[in-house]
Protein backbone atom coordinates (compact mmCIF):
# COMPACT_ATOMS: atom_id res chain seq x y z
CA MET A 1 73.93 -95.91 -54.87
CA SER A 2 72.05 -94.63 -57.91
CA PRO A 3 71.63 -90.85 -58.46
CA LYS A 4 67.89 -91.21 -57.74
CA ASN A 5 68.47 -93.00 -54.42
CA LEU A 6 71.18 -90.49 -53.54
CA ASN A 7 68.73 -87.64 -54.01
CA VAL A 8 66.13 -89.38 -51.82
CA SER A 9 68.76 -89.93 -49.14
CA ASN A 10 69.88 -86.30 -49.26
CA LYS A 11 66.27 -85.11 -49.03
CA THR A 12 65.65 -87.39 -46.01
CA HIS A 13 68.77 -86.12 -44.29
CA LYS A 14 67.78 -82.52 -44.98
CA ASN A 15 64.30 -83.08 -43.51
CA LEU A 16 65.77 -84.57 -40.34
CA LEU A 17 68.42 -81.87 -40.00
CA ASN A 18 65.73 -79.21 -40.37
CA LYS A 19 64.36 -80.34 -36.98
CA LEU A 20 67.36 -78.59 -35.45
CA SER A 21 65.78 -75.25 -36.36
CA ASP A 22 63.97 -75.55 -33.04
CA GLU A 23 66.36 -73.69 -30.71
CA ARG A 24 65.78 -75.96 -27.70
CA ILE A 25 66.27 -79.14 -29.74
CA PHE A 26 69.42 -77.63 -31.25
CA GLN A 27 70.88 -76.92 -27.80
CA ILE A 28 70.00 -80.43 -26.60
CA TYR A 29 71.63 -81.93 -29.69
CA ARG A 30 74.80 -79.81 -29.28
CA LYS A 31 75.18 -81.05 -25.72
CA PHE A 32 74.56 -84.64 -26.89
CA GLU A 33 77.14 -84.38 -29.67
CA ASN A 34 79.82 -83.12 -27.29
CA ILE A 35 79.12 -85.91 -24.80
CA LEU A 36 79.01 -88.79 -27.29
CA ASN A 37 82.18 -87.87 -29.19
CA LEU A 38 82.19 -91.19 -31.07
CA ASN A 39 83.73 -91.88 -34.48
CA GLN A 40 82.72 -95.52 -34.88
CA ASP A 41 79.52 -97.23 -36.02
CA PHE A 42 77.13 -98.13 -33.19
CA ILE A 43 73.91 -99.86 -32.13
CA VAL A 44 70.99 -98.19 -30.35
CA GLY A 45 68.69 -100.18 -28.06
CA VAL A 46 65.11 -98.94 -28.44
CA SER A 47 62.32 -99.51 -25.93
CA GLY A 48 59.78 -97.12 -27.42
CA GLY A 49 59.70 -94.98 -24.28
CA LEU A 50 60.23 -91.23 -24.46
CA ASP A 51 63.91 -91.55 -23.46
CA SER A 52 64.85 -94.07 -26.13
CA LEU A 53 62.91 -92.25 -28.86
CA ALA A 54 64.76 -89.05 -28.01
CA LEU A 55 67.98 -91.08 -28.29
CA CYS A 56 66.84 -92.38 -31.71
CA PHE A 57 66.46 -88.86 -33.06
CA LEU A 58 69.69 -87.54 -31.54
CA THR A 59 71.75 -90.49 -32.76
CA LYS A 60 70.25 -90.32 -36.25
CA ILE A 61 71.26 -86.67 -36.54
CA TYR A 62 74.70 -87.55 -35.14
CA SER A 63 75.17 -90.39 -37.66
CA ILE A 64 74.25 -88.07 -40.55
CA LYS A 65 76.67 -85.37 -39.42
CA LYS A 66 79.49 -87.85 -38.73
CA SER A 67 78.79 -90.15 -41.71
CA LEU A 68 78.45 -93.20 -39.45
CA ASN A 69 76.31 -96.32 -39.66
CA VAL A 70 73.81 -96.73 -36.83
CA TYR A 71 71.65 -99.81 -36.23
CA TYR A 72 68.40 -99.57 -34.27
CA TYR A 73 67.00 -102.60 -32.44
CA ILE A 74 63.68 -102.83 -30.62
CA VAL A 75 63.66 -105.63 -28.02
CA ASP A 76 60.34 -107.46 -27.63
CA HIS A 77 60.61 -109.30 -24.30
CA LYS A 78 57.18 -110.90 -24.77
CA LEU A 79 56.45 -110.34 -21.09
CA ARG A 80 53.21 -108.44 -21.71
CA LYS A 81 50.25 -109.33 -23.93
CA ASN A 82 50.66 -106.26 -26.14
CA SER A 83 54.46 -106.24 -26.33
CA SER A 84 54.68 -107.55 -29.92
CA SER A 85 52.14 -105.08 -31.31
CA GLU A 86 53.86 -102.26 -29.40
CA ALA A 87 57.25 -103.23 -30.86
CA LEU A 88 55.75 -103.18 -34.35
CA SER A 89 54.13 -99.78 -33.76
CA VAL A 90 57.51 -98.37 -32.64
CA LYS A 91 59.18 -99.82 -35.74
CA ASN A 92 56.53 -98.20 -37.97
CA LEU A 93 56.88 -94.90 -36.12
CA LEU A 94 60.65 -94.86 -36.69
CA LYS A 95 60.14 -95.84 -40.34
CA LYS A 96 57.79 -92.87 -40.77
CA HIS A 97 60.70 -90.66 -39.67
CA LYS A 98 63.14 -92.45 -42.01
CA ILE A 99 64.84 -94.41 -39.22
CA LYS A 100 65.23 -98.09 -40.12
CA SER A 101 64.98 -100.56 -37.23
CA ASP A 102 64.63 -104.28 -36.53
CA ILE A 103 62.89 -106.20 -33.75
CA LEU A 104 64.76 -108.68 -31.52
CA ARG A 105 62.51 -111.15 -29.70
CA TRP A 106 63.01 -113.02 -26.44
CA TYR A 107 61.66 -116.52 -26.99
CA GLY A 108 61.43 -119.26 -24.38
CA LYS A 109 60.23 -119.61 -20.81
CA LYS A 110 59.77 -116.36 -18.90
CA PRO A 111 60.68 -115.84 -15.21
CA ASN A 112 58.16 -115.49 -12.38
CA SER A 113 60.47 -113.48 -10.12
CA ASN A 114 63.29 -110.94 -10.51
CA VAL A 115 61.62 -110.14 -13.83
CA GLN A 116 63.06 -106.69 -14.53
CA SER A 117 66.64 -107.69 -13.78
CA LEU A 118 66.46 -110.84 -15.93
CA ALA A 119 64.75 -108.95 -18.74
CA ARG A 120 67.52 -106.34 -18.64
CA ASN A 121 70.20 -109.03 -18.88
CA LYS A 122 68.36 -110.70 -21.77
CA ARG A 123 68.05 -107.35 -23.55
CA TYR A 124 71.79 -106.81 -23.30
CA SER A 125 72.57 -110.34 -24.49
CA LEU A 126 70.39 -109.88 -27.59
CA LEU A 127 72.01 -106.53 -28.40
CA ILE A 128 75.50 -107.90 -27.79
CA LYS A 129 74.79 -110.83 -30.13
CA GLN A 130 73.82 -108.39 -32.90
CA ALA A 131 76.85 -106.20 -32.21
CA LYS A 132 79.17 -109.16 -32.66
CA LYS A 133 77.43 -110.12 -35.91
CA LEU A 134 77.95 -106.60 -37.24
CA ASN A 135 81.44 -106.27 -35.72
CA VAL A 136 80.28 -103.14 -33.88
CA LYS A 137 81.92 -102.26 -30.56
CA ASN A 138 79.45 -99.71 -29.15
CA ILE A 139 75.88 -100.10 -27.87
CA LEU A 140 73.92 -97.00 -26.80
CA THR A 141 71.04 -97.02 -24.32
CA GLY A 142 68.57 -94.29 -23.36
CA HIS A 143 69.25 -94.12 -19.62
CA HIS A 144 69.05 -90.58 -18.25
CA ILE A 145 69.92 -88.85 -14.99
CA ASP A 146 66.86 -90.13 -13.09
CA ASP A 147 67.98 -93.70 -13.86
CA LEU A 148 71.34 -92.85 -12.28
CA TYR A 149 69.66 -91.78 -9.03
CA GLU A 150 67.40 -94.84 -9.00
CA ASN A 151 70.31 -97.22 -9.57
CA PHE A 152 72.27 -95.60 -6.71
CA PHE A 153 69.46 -96.14 -4.20
CA ILE A 154 68.75 -99.69 -5.43
CA ARG A 155 72.41 -100.60 -4.92
CA PHE A 156 72.43 -98.75 -1.58
CA SER A 157 69.42 -100.78 -0.40
CA ARG A 158 71.30 -103.99 -1.24
CA GLY A 159 74.33 -103.00 0.83
CA SER A 160 76.60 -102.49 -2.19
CA GLY A 161 80.10 -101.16 -1.71
CA LEU A 162 81.61 -98.13 -3.42
CA LYS A 163 82.12 -99.91 -6.74
CA GLY A 164 78.47 -100.99 -6.88
CA LEU A 165 77.14 -97.58 -5.93
CA VAL A 166 78.91 -95.84 -8.83
CA SER A 167 78.77 -98.69 -11.39
CA PHE A 168 76.10 -96.95 -13.48
CA SER A 169 78.19 -94.58 -15.58
CA GLU A 170 78.35 -93.10 -19.08
CA LYS A 171 80.60 -95.95 -20.24
CA THR A 172 80.84 -99.54 -19.02
CA GLN A 173 81.82 -102.80 -20.68
CA ARG A 174 80.05 -106.11 -21.29
CA ASN A 175 81.63 -108.96 -23.21
CA LYS A 176 84.39 -106.59 -24.38
CA LEU A 177 81.80 -104.23 -25.90
CA ASN A 178 81.19 -100.63 -24.81
CA ILE A 179 77.81 -99.86 -23.26
CA LEU A 180 77.35 -96.10 -23.65
CA ARG A 181 74.75 -93.99 -21.85
CA PRO A 182 75.09 -90.54 -23.45
CA LEU A 183 71.85 -89.21 -21.90
CA LEU A 184 72.97 -89.50 -18.25
CA SER A 185 73.51 -85.75 -18.05
CA PHE A 186 70.04 -84.94 -19.41
CA GLU A 187 66.90 -84.16 -17.47
CA LYS A 188 63.82 -86.15 -18.41
CA LYS A 189 61.96 -82.93 -19.30
CA ASP A 190 64.46 -82.23 -22.12
CA LEU A 191 64.10 -85.73 -23.53
CA ASN A 192 60.33 -85.41 -23.25
CA TYR A 193 60.51 -82.19 -25.28
CA VAL A 194 62.49 -83.85 -28.09
CA THR A 195 60.21 -86.90 -28.31
CA THR A 196 57.01 -84.86 -28.16
CA LYS A 197 58.21 -82.44 -30.83
CA ILE A 198 59.63 -85.05 -33.21
CA PHE A 199 57.49 -88.17 -32.75
CA ARG A 200 54.39 -86.95 -30.84
CA PHE A 201 54.10 -90.48 -29.44
CA TYR A 202 55.82 -92.92 -27.11
CA ILE A 203 55.11 -96.21 -25.30
CA GLU A 204 54.22 -96.00 -21.61
CA ASP A 205 55.22 -99.22 -19.85
CA PRO A 206 52.52 -100.05 -17.24
CA SER A 207 55.16 -101.74 -15.05
CA ASN A 208 56.53 -98.24 -14.36
CA GLU A 209 53.64 -97.75 -11.92
CA ASP A 210 53.63 -101.27 -10.43
CA ASN A 211 54.74 -101.20 -6.78
CA LYS A 212 55.78 -104.85 -6.83
CA PHE A 213 58.98 -103.75 -8.58
CA LYS A 214 61.72 -102.31 -6.39
CA ARG A 215 62.71 -99.74 -9.02
CA VAL A 216 59.19 -98.27 -8.96
CA ARG A 217 59.22 -98.08 -5.15
CA ILE A 218 62.67 -96.43 -5.22
CA ARG A 219 61.44 -93.93 -7.83
CA LYS A 220 58.58 -92.88 -5.57
CA PHE A 221 60.94 -92.75 -2.60
CA ILE A 222 63.23 -90.32 -4.49
CA LYS A 223 60.22 -88.18 -5.40
CA ASN A 224 59.28 -87.96 -1.71
CA LEU A 225 62.87 -86.96 -0.88
CA GLN A 226 62.67 -84.22 -3.49
CA ASN A 227 59.45 -82.96 -1.93
CA ASP A 228 61.35 -82.82 1.38
CA GLY A 229 64.17 -80.77 -0.15
CA LEU A 230 66.57 -83.22 -1.83
CA ASP A 231 68.77 -81.21 -4.21
CA LYS A 232 69.47 -83.44 -7.21
CA ASN A 233 72.44 -81.34 -8.32
CA LYS A 234 74.14 -81.75 -4.94
CA PHE A 235 73.31 -85.44 -4.99
CA LEU A 236 74.91 -85.73 -8.43
CA LEU A 237 78.01 -84.01 -7.03
CA THR A 238 78.13 -86.64 -4.27
CA ILE A 239 77.98 -89.43 -6.86
CA LYS A 240 80.77 -87.80 -8.85
CA ASN A 241 82.93 -87.49 -5.72
CA LEU A 242 82.34 -91.17 -4.98
CA SER A 243 83.28 -91.97 -8.58
CA ASP A 244 86.58 -90.10 -8.15
CA SER A 245 87.30 -92.16 -5.01
CA ASN A 246 86.47 -95.31 -6.93
CA GLU A 247 88.94 -94.37 -9.67
CA THR A 248 91.66 -93.97 -7.02
CA ILE A 249 90.95 -97.47 -5.69
CA LYS A 250 91.01 -98.86 -9.25
CA PHE A 251 94.49 -97.38 -9.71
CA TYR A 252 95.82 -99.19 -6.65
CA VAL A 253 94.06 -102.42 -7.61
CA SER A 254 95.83 -102.32 -10.99
CA LYS A 255 99.12 -101.64 -9.23
CA ASN A 256 98.60 -104.55 -6.85
CA LEU A 257 97.81 -106.91 -9.73
CA LYS A 258 100.83 -105.73 -11.69
CA ASP A 259 103.34 -105.77 -8.82
CA ASN A 260 102.22 -108.80 -6.84
CA SER A 261 100.91 -111.41 -9.27
CA TYR A 262 102.44 -113.49 -12.04
CA ILE A 263 100.34 -114.78 -14.96
CA TYR A 264 101.43 -117.97 -16.75
CA LYS A 265 101.53 -117.91 -20.56
CA ASP A 266 98.44 -120.10 -20.94
CA LYS A 267 96.51 -117.64 -18.72
CA ARG A 268 95.09 -120.52 -16.71
CA LYS A 269 97.25 -120.01 -13.66
CA ILE A 270 98.29 -117.02 -11.53
CA ILE A 271 100.66 -116.92 -8.56
CA LEU A 272 100.15 -114.27 -5.86
CA ASN A 273 102.95 -113.28 -3.52
CA GLN A 274 102.66 -112.30 0.15
CA GLU A 275 102.62 -108.57 -0.61
CA PHE A 276 99.37 -109.06 -2.55
CA PHE A 277 97.57 -109.58 0.79
CA ARG A 278 99.30 -106.74 2.67
CA GLN A 279 97.22 -103.99 1.03
CA PRO A 280 94.10 -102.29 2.44
CA HIS A 281 91.11 -104.65 2.47
CA GLU A 282 89.26 -103.05 -0.47
CA ILE A 283 92.37 -103.30 -2.66
CA ILE A 284 92.85 -106.98 -1.78
CA PHE A 285 89.15 -107.72 -2.25
CA ARG A 286 88.88 -106.16 -5.71
CA SER A 287 92.23 -107.54 -6.85
CA PHE A 288 91.25 -111.05 -5.81
CA MET A 289 87.85 -110.70 -7.51
CA GLU A 290 89.63 -109.73 -10.74
CA ILE A 291 91.93 -112.76 -10.42
CA ILE A 292 88.95 -115.12 -10.02
CA LYS A 293 87.11 -113.57 -12.98
CA PHE A 294 90.21 -113.74 -15.19
CA VAL A 295 91.37 -117.26 -14.37
CA GLY A 296 87.83 -118.70 -14.12
CA LYS A 297 86.84 -116.95 -17.37
CA ASN A 298 83.68 -115.65 -15.72
CA TYR A 299 81.54 -112.79 -17.01
CA TYR A 300 79.92 -112.11 -13.64
CA SER A 301 81.82 -111.68 -10.40
CA VAL A 302 81.47 -114.31 -7.66
CA ARG A 303 79.60 -113.47 -4.45
CA GLY A 304 81.46 -111.00 -2.24
CA LYS A 305 80.88 -112.90 1.02
CA LYS A 306 82.60 -116.01 -0.35
CA VAL A 307 85.57 -113.94 -1.49
CA ASP A 308 85.83 -112.26 1.92
CA THR A 309 85.75 -115.65 3.69
CA ILE A 310 88.56 -117.07 1.55
CA ILE A 311 90.69 -113.92 1.86
CA ASP A 312 90.34 -114.04 5.67
CA LYS A 313 91.42 -117.68 5.73
CA LEU A 314 94.34 -117.10 3.39
CA LYS A 315 95.55 -114.20 5.53
CA GLY A 316 94.75 -115.63 8.95
CA GLU A 317 95.45 -119.36 8.81
CA ASN A 318 98.84 -120.51 10.06
CA LYS A 319 98.62 -123.62 7.94
CA THR A 320 101.13 -123.80 5.10
CA SER A 321 98.71 -125.72 2.89
CA LEU A 322 95.11 -124.76 2.14
CA LYS A 323 92.78 -125.45 -0.79
CA PHE A 324 89.50 -123.82 -1.92
CA THR A 325 87.32 -123.81 -5.03
CA LEU A 326 85.52 -120.68 -6.22
CA GLY A 327 84.27 -119.33 -9.56
CA ASN A 328 85.70 -122.17 -11.71
CA CYS A 329 89.04 -121.80 -9.92
CA VAL A 330 91.07 -123.90 -7.50
CA ILE A 331 92.94 -121.79 -4.96
CA HIS A 332 96.00 -123.33 -3.27
CA LYS A 333 98.08 -121.94 -0.45
CA ALA A 334 101.54 -123.46 -0.71
CA ASN A 335 104.06 -122.16 1.81
CA GLN A 336 104.29 -118.38 1.20
CA SER A 337 102.50 -118.26 -2.18
CA ILE A 338 98.88 -118.47 -3.34
CA ILE A 339 98.23 -120.28 -6.63
CA VAL A 340 94.96 -119.75 -8.53
CA VAL A 341 94.30 -122.30 -11.30
CA ASN A 342 91.39 -122.83 -13.70
CA GLU A 343 89.71 -126.03 -12.47
CA HIS A 344 88.76 -127.30 -15.95
């Protein structure tokens, strides 16, 4: 870098760091820095909403202080008429504040149903593709504490088990990449303060008020519960207690897999002994799901009802020989052992 460019860069960094002179922004940033605690380059997914713009500012400051590279990507889903112009306006807004970004576009046929869920999956796939190009292992999103509550009730309404109810956490994995949500401990009002002070602008997605989407209906349901006395802090404590219980189950699932299964060298076949199926149901269920995902080389888990049905038959049938197919796997019962083989 030339001396001239170096001076421009230093001046830009100084201007951004000066924003921390606001005491409230400084306190918000300090909390963010302690939570993120990351020493590797990362990607930030940008929607243009107040949450993601707050994340843009906080991560830019973090990258300056930690001397890290950060890559900002705005995803244009092309689901609304103005989405492309909005994406461009967000890019220009970030550029004005010396934050370089690029736009990722979702081309092709768009869904007529389950739109938000499919759009979310497409957003992650586009970000993951970029992460692999850049050899970056961490993707940050702007989800905050209200998103945590909404996700809990959405999963609850679908009859999810413990794992599903607490699956929305500060760190999860997709395609061997880390999905980080460093704003989960922040109230929306704090993020609103940062975005309003720094950018004085954000995109308001009209779908956030559309009752045809379950997330919107859940959001309004939570607001009604709050009006009736729901204490969000106590609710958060409940979620954390459930998360602790989930970690305990995960420990015993790992133990069951280690003690009662044998993986062949080619990783296409696993043998399960009798003890594998003598654990509590949840341990067996999750262990077996992991086996199917691993051997079948699946990203998504297979449907829980199908797994339950096969487990019941493997445990309950007196026959010494049984055969099932599930999740790209062939499952054999041969005498006292269960063999799971990749079917391809």
